[in-house]
Amino acid sequence: MRYAFIRAHLGQFAIRNLCRMMQVHRSGYYAWIKQPKSGRQKDDERLSGLIKQLWLESGCVYGYRKAYKDLREIGETCGPNRVARLMKQAGLKAQVGYNKPRHKGGKVSVLADNHLNQDFDVQQPNQAWVTDITYIRTYEGWLFLAVVIDLFSRQVVGWSMQPKMQVDLVLNALLMAVWRRKPKNPVLVHSDQGTQYTSSDWQNFLKTQNLLCSMSRRGNCYDNAVAESFFQLLKRERIRRKTYKDREEARRDIFNYIEMFYNPVRRHGYNDNLSPMEFERRHFSKTQSV
């Protein structure tokens, strides 16, 4: 097969010149191209197919480390260096990120203290949530997205999308989080000092739902770094790869990313390379078995 392909594309004259240039006899050259592939080559081709499938299923965002974890999970015994080599040969790369935002110091909020104080490592679900807003460009105009993230597993427990950045945008996201999680104990809810979060409607909702308000220092993005990190992932792995014709197309795609990929599937380094939902499932399994 290999001989027929080369002969069809090069021709006898080109093959003779190639053998003369390489200083090999034509009979030896023909024997070489007819020889069967080694077991290692065949296994590399099989693994390359699996890796490409896993890479495509990730939305073309996984690097070799997460692809290696997926291969191990389905029973493959290859090493991470081999996965990196095969991905490089196939031209498969992880999506690269944005530069870190500049740090700007500011005064401590007078509306609510910074109770979180950049302590993003919590031990239980529904202990601390963070929330923030980002914007998505479409040909129809802006689409604003608000999310609520549980710091324990980095799962997006609430979200809302609207064409205007009003109080309802953040309230609907928090309402979804409360409805989904049904927390039995007070939950710390951390946000920035945007007008949506300083409004009386937001503050009243927090009080009625037994939620404790926490706010970043003005202009300090690191106080809400987990929410910023999620938005960077979203824009790097999905939004930056799309040009949305209208808000409805953007809504469908963002819903797909959050509910069909990020929460149930995407491996997160903070979660020992488990998805947020799987990380919580294993946590509850351990606590119930004790």
Protein backbone atom coordinates (compact mmCIF):
# COMPACT_ATOMS: atom_id res chain seq x y z
CA MET A 1 0.00 0.00 0.00
CA ARG A 2 2.76 2.43 0.92
CA TYR A 3 4.73 1.49 -2.21
CA ALA A 4 1.71 2.05 -4.47
CA PHE A 5 1.07 5.48 -2.92
CA ILE A 6 4.68 6.65 -3.33
CA ARG A 7 4.97 5.26 -6.84
CA ALA A 8 1.70 6.91 -7.91
CA HIS A 9 2.84 10.30 -6.62
CA LEU A 10 6.53 10.23 -7.49
CA GLY A 11 6.87 8.03 -10.55
CA GLN A 12 9.79 5.80 -11.52
CA PHE A 13 12.05 8.65 -12.59
CA ALA A 14 11.65 10.48 -9.28
CA ILE A 15 12.18 7.25 -7.31
CA ARG A 16 15.46 6.55 -9.16
CA ASN A 17 16.69 10.08 -8.40
CA LEU A 18 15.62 9.77 -4.77
CA CYS A 19 17.51 6.46 -4.37
CA ARG A 20 20.61 7.96 -6.03
CA MET A 21 20.49 10.98 -3.73
CA MET A 22 20.08 8.78 -0.64
CA GLN A 23 22.78 6.40 -1.91
CA VAL A 24 20.60 3.30 -1.53
CA HIS A 25 19.76 0.54 -4.01
CA ARG A 26 16.27 0.59 -5.45
CA SER A 27 15.58 -2.99 -4.41
CA GLY A 28 16.38 -2.12 -0.79
CA TYR A 29 14.19 0.99 -1.02
CA TYR A 30 11.25 -1.02 -2.37
CA ALA A 31 11.71 -3.62 0.38
CA TRP A 32 11.66 -0.86 2.99
CA ILE A 33 8.43 0.77 1.81
CA LYS A 34 6.69 -2.60 1.54
CA GLN A 35 7.53 -3.72 5.06
CA PRO A 36 4.62 -3.85 7.53
CA LYS A 37 4.22 -1.30 10.30
CA SER A 38 5.59 -2.20 13.72
CA GLY A 39 3.33 -2.92 16.66
CA ARG A 40 4.37 0.37 18.24
CA GLN A 41 3.37 2.32 15.12
CA LYS A 42 0.00 0.61 14.99
CA ASP A 43 -0.62 1.31 18.67
CA ASP A 44 0.41 4.96 18.21
CA GLU A 45 -2.15 5.27 15.41
CA ARG A 46 -4.84 3.71 17.60
CA LEU A 47 -4.00 6.01 20.51
CA SER A 48 -3.90 9.04 18.22
CA GLY A 49 -7.47 8.27 17.14
CA LEU A 50 -8.62 8.01 20.75
CA ILE A 51 -6.83 11.21 21.71
CA LYS A 52 -8.36 13.14 18.83
CA GLN A 53 -11.82 11.89 19.77
CA LEU A 54 -11.35 12.96 23.40
CA TRP A 55 -9.93 16.31 22.29
CA LEU A 56 -12.94 16.93 20.03
CA GLU A 57 -15.35 15.92 22.80
CA SER A 58 -13.72 18.53 25.05
CA GLY A 59 -14.59 21.22 22.51
CA CYS A 60 -10.98 21.27 21.25
CA VAL A 61 -9.73 22.74 24.53
CA TYR A 62 -7.93 19.93 26.38
CA GLY A 63 -4.14 19.73 26.56
CA TYR A 64 -2.14 16.54 26.95
CA ARG A 65 -2.56 16.36 30.74
CA LYS A 66 -6.35 16.20 30.69
CA ALA A 67 -6.32 13.96 27.60
CA TYR A 68 -3.98 11.63 29.52
CA LYS A 69 -6.41 11.55 32.45
CA ASP A 70 -9.28 10.66 30.10
CA LEU A 71 -7.24 7.85 28.54
CA ARG A 72 -6.38 6.44 31.95
CA GLU A 73 -10.03 6.55 32.91
CA ILE A 74 -11.02 4.36 29.94
CA GLY A 75 -8.30 1.83 30.72
CA GLU A 76 -5.32 2.91 28.58
CA THR A 77 -1.87 2.49 30.16
CA CYS A 78 0.18 4.96 28.10
CA GLY A 79 2.26 7.66 29.80
CA PRO A 80 1.71 11.44 29.68
CA ASN A 81 4.87 12.05 27.63
CA ARG A 82 3.60 9.73 24.92
CA VAL A 83 0.26 11.53 24.86
CA ALA A 84 2.08 14.87 24.56
CA ARG A 85 4.17 13.52 21.66
CA LEU A 86 1.16 12.14 19.78
CA MET A 87 -0.83 15.36 20.27
CA LYS A 88 2.09 17.41 19.00
CA GLN A 89 2.40 15.21 15.93
CA ALA A 90 -1.33 15.55 15.24
CA GLY A 91 -1.31 19.33 15.82
CA LEU A 92 -3.73 19.11 18.77
CA LYS A 93 -3.24 21.89 21.31
CA ALA A 94 -4.92 23.26 24.41
CA GLN A 95 -6.53 26.65 24.15
CA VAL A 96 -4.25 29.39 25.46
CA GLY A 97 -5.49 31.92 27.99
CA TYR A 98 -5.55 35.65 28.49
CA ASN A 99 -3.00 37.70 30.38
CA LYS A 100 -3.74 38.25 34.02
CA PRO A 101 -5.66 41.46 34.75
CA ARG A 102 -3.77 44.26 36.42
CA HIS A 103 -4.12 44.60 40.17
CA LYS A 104 -5.68 47.81 41.40
CA GLY A 105 -5.87 48.50 45.10
CA GLY A 106 -8.85 50.24 46.57
CA LYS A 107 -10.68 51.15 49.73
CA VAL A 108 -12.53 48.52 51.71
CA SER A 109 -16.25 48.44 50.95
CA VAL A 110 -18.42 50.35 53.37
CA LEU A 111 -21.60 48.45 52.38
CA ALA A 112 -20.32 44.98 53.33
CA ASP A 113 -17.02 43.69 54.66
CA ASN A 114 -14.81 41.36 52.68
CA HIS A 115 -15.61 38.28 54.77
CA LEU A 116 -14.19 35.93 52.14
CA ASN A 117 -10.82 37.73 52.10
CA GLN A 118 -9.51 35.62 49.19
CA ASP A 119 -9.96 32.38 51.16
CA PHE A 120 -11.17 30.32 48.19
CA ASP A 121 -10.39 26.91 49.74
CA VAL A 122 -13.57 25.74 51.50
CA GLN A 123 -14.27 22.30 52.97
CA GLN A 124 -18.00 21.82 52.38
CA PRO A 125 -20.55 22.51 49.62
CA ASN A 126 -22.84 25.50 50.19
CA GLN A 127 -20.35 27.15 52.50
CA ALA A 128 -19.31 30.01 50.20
CA TRP A 129 -20.52 31.13 46.77
CA VAL A 130 -19.02 33.77 44.48
CA THR A 131 -20.92 35.69 41.83
CA ASP A 132 -20.04 38.04 39.00
CA ILE A 133 -21.16 39.38 35.60
CA THR A 134 -19.55 39.29 32.18
CA TYR A 135 -20.67 40.39 28.72
CA ILE A 136 -20.82 38.55 25.41
CA ARG A 137 -20.72 40.22 22.03
CA THR A 138 -23.33 39.31 19.39
CA TYR A 139 -24.37 40.96 16.14
CA GLU A 140 -27.71 41.69 17.82
CA GLY A 141 -26.04 43.52 20.73
CA TRP A 142 -24.62 42.67 24.13
CA LEU A 143 -25.72 39.61 26.11
CA PHE A 144 -24.89 39.77 29.82
CA LEU A 145 -24.18 36.63 31.85
CA ALA A 146 -24.30 36.37 35.66
CA VAL A 147 -23.09 33.23 37.42
CA VAL A 148 -23.01 31.88 40.97
CA ILE A 149 -20.17 29.42 41.70
CA ASP A 150 -19.80 27.13 44.71
CA LEU A 151 -16.19 27.46 45.89
CA PHE A 152 -16.10 23.87 47.18
CA SER A 153 -16.21 22.24 43.73
CA ARG A 154 -16.13 25.29 41.40
CA GLN A 155 -19.53 24.20 40.09
CA VAL A 156 -21.75 26.83 38.48
CA VAL A 157 -24.86 26.45 40.63
CA GLY A 158 -26.76 29.42 39.22
CA TRP A 159 -26.70 31.51 36.07
CA SER A 160 -28.78 34.06 34.20
CA MET A 161 -28.53 35.73 30.77
CA GLN A 162 -30.25 38.97 29.75
CA PRO A 163 -29.76 41.74 27.16
CA LYS A 164 -29.50 44.37 29.90
CA MET A 165 -27.33 44.48 33.01
CA GLN A 166 -30.02 45.11 35.61
CA VAL A 167 -30.72 43.82 39.11
CA ASP A 168 -32.93 41.00 37.77
CA LEU A 169 -29.89 39.53 36.02
CA VAL A 170 -28.04 38.79 39.27
CA LEU A 171 -31.16 38.01 41.29
CA ASN A 172 -32.25 35.30 38.83
CA ALA A 173 -28.81 33.69 38.98
CA LEU A 174 -28.87 33.66 42.79
CA LEU A 175 -32.47 32.42 42.82
CA MET A 176 -31.43 29.46 40.65
CA ALA A 177 -28.56 28.70 43.04
CA VAL A 178 -30.87 28.76 46.08
CA TRP A 179 -33.49 26.62 44.32
CA ARG A 180 -30.91 24.06 43.19
CA ARG A 181 -28.87 23.78 46.35
CA LYS A 182 -31.48 24.44 49.04
CA PRO A 183 -28.84 25.32 51.67
CA LYS A 184 -29.75 24.46 55.24
CA ASN A 185 -27.11 26.71 56.82
CA PRO A 186 -26.12 30.32 56.09
CA VAL A 187 -24.03 30.72 52.92
CA LEU A 188 -21.43 33.42 52.32
CA VAL A 189 -22.16 35.12 48.97
CA HIS A 190 -19.23 37.16 47.67
CA SER A 191 -19.47 39.74 44.88
CA ASP A 192 -17.88 42.95 43.69
CA GLN A 193 -19.31 46.40 44.44
CA GLY A 194 -21.31 46.73 41.21
CA THR A 195 -24.59 48.62 41.39
CA GLN A 196 -26.55 45.38 40.95
CA TYR A 197 -25.01 43.95 44.13
CA THR A 198 -25.30 47.13 46.17
CA SER A 199 -28.99 47.55 45.33
CA SER A 200 -31.63 47.21 48.01
CA ASP A 201 -33.31 44.35 46.09
CA TRP A 202 -30.11 42.29 46.23
CA GLN A 203 -29.47 43.04 49.89
CA ASN A 204 -33.06 42.25 50.87
CA PHE A 205 -32.98 38.95 49.00
CA LEU A 206 -29.80 37.94 50.82
CA LYS A 207 -31.41 38.65 54.19
CA THR A 208 -34.63 36.77 53.43
CA GLN A 209 -32.67 33.69 52.24
CA ASN A 210 -30.25 33.63 55.19
CA LEU A 211 -27.27 34.52 52.99
CA LEU A 212 -24.31 36.53 54.29
CA CYS A 213 -23.08 39.35 52.07
CA SER A 214 -19.37 39.75 51.32
CA MET A 215 -17.84 42.23 48.87
CA SER A 216 -14.50 42.76 47.18
CA ARG A 217 -12.44 45.86 47.70
CA ARG A 218 -13.20 48.44 45.04
CA GLY A 219 -11.21 47.78 41.85
CA ASN A 220 -9.50 44.63 43.20
CA CYS A 221 -10.20 41.76 40.77
CA TYR A 222 -8.21 39.24 42.84
CA ASP A 223 -10.82 39.36 45.62
CA ASN A 224 -13.17 37.56 43.20
CA ALA A 225 -10.55 35.56 41.32
CA VAL A 226 -12.56 32.31 41.04
CA ALA A 227 -15.40 33.99 39.14
CA GLU A 228 -12.86 35.83 36.95
CA SER A 229 -11.12 32.50 36.26
CA PHE A 230 -14.38 30.87 35.15
CA PHE A 231 -15.11 33.73 32.75
CA GLN A 232 -11.62 33.38 31.30
CA LEU A 233 -12.25 29.67 30.71
CA LEU A 234 -15.60 30.37 29.12
CA LYS A 235 -14.21 33.00 26.76
CA ARG A 236 -11.08 31.02 25.97
CA GLU A 237 -12.74 27.66 25.39
CA ARG A 238 -16.05 28.65 23.88
CA ILE A 239 -16.98 32.30 23.33
CA ARG A 240 -13.67 33.30 21.78
CA ARG A 241 -14.14 30.50 19.26
CA LYS A 242 -17.58 31.70 18.14
CA THR A 243 -19.13 34.67 16.38
CA TYR A 244 -22.72 34.75 17.53
CA LYS A 245 -25.29 36.00 15.06
CA ASP A 246 -27.81 36.83 17.80
CA ARG A 247 -28.44 36.51 21.53
CA GLU A 248 -30.42 33.29 21.19
CA GLU A 249 -27.50 31.50 19.57
CA ALA A 250 -25.21 32.78 22.33
CA ARG A 251 -27.65 31.59 25.03
CA ARG A 252 -27.79 28.08 23.57
CA ASP A 253 -24.03 27.82 23.30
CA ILE A 254 -23.34 29.13 26.80
CA PHE A 255 -26.00 26.85 28.27
CA ASN A 256 -24.33 23.94 26.48
CA TYR A 257 -20.92 24.90 27.86
CA ILE A 258 -22.08 25.27 31.47
CA GLU A 259 -24.60 22.44 31.82
CA MET A 260 -23.32 19.89 29.29
CA PHE A 261 -19.55 20.36 29.54
CA TYR A 262 -18.15 22.49 32.38
CA ASN A 263 -20.21 21.15 35.31
CA PRO A 264 -20.48 17.43 34.41
CA VAL A 265 -17.43 16.79 32.21
CA ARG A 266 -14.61 19.33 32.29
CA ARG A 267 -11.71 18.29 34.48
CA HIS A 268 -10.66 20.96 36.99
CA GLY A 269 -7.19 21.12 38.50
CA TYR A 270 -8.60 22.28 41.84
CA ASN A 271 -10.75 19.12 41.99
CA ASP A 272 -7.89 16.65 41.49
CA ASN A 273 -8.72 16.69 37.77
CA LEU A 274 -12.34 15.70 38.36
CA SER A 275 -15.34 17.58 37.01
CA PRO A 276 -17.22 19.73 39.56
CA MET A 277 -20.21 17.37 39.65
CA GLU A 278 -18.05 14.25 39.99
CA PHE A 279 -16.00 15.90 42.74
CA GLU A 280 -19.14 16.61 44.75
CA ARG A 281 -20.54 13.13 44.07
CA ARG A 282 -17.42 11.51 45.51
CA HIS A 283 -17.48 13.88 48.48
CA PHE A 284 -21.07 12.94 49.37
CA SER A 285 -20.30 9.24 48.87
CA LYS A 286 -17.48 9.48 51.42
CA THR A 287 -19.53 11.40 53.95
CA GLN A 288 -22.45 8.94 53.69
CA SER A 289 -20.18 5.94 54.10
CA VAL A 290 -18.61 7.28 57.29
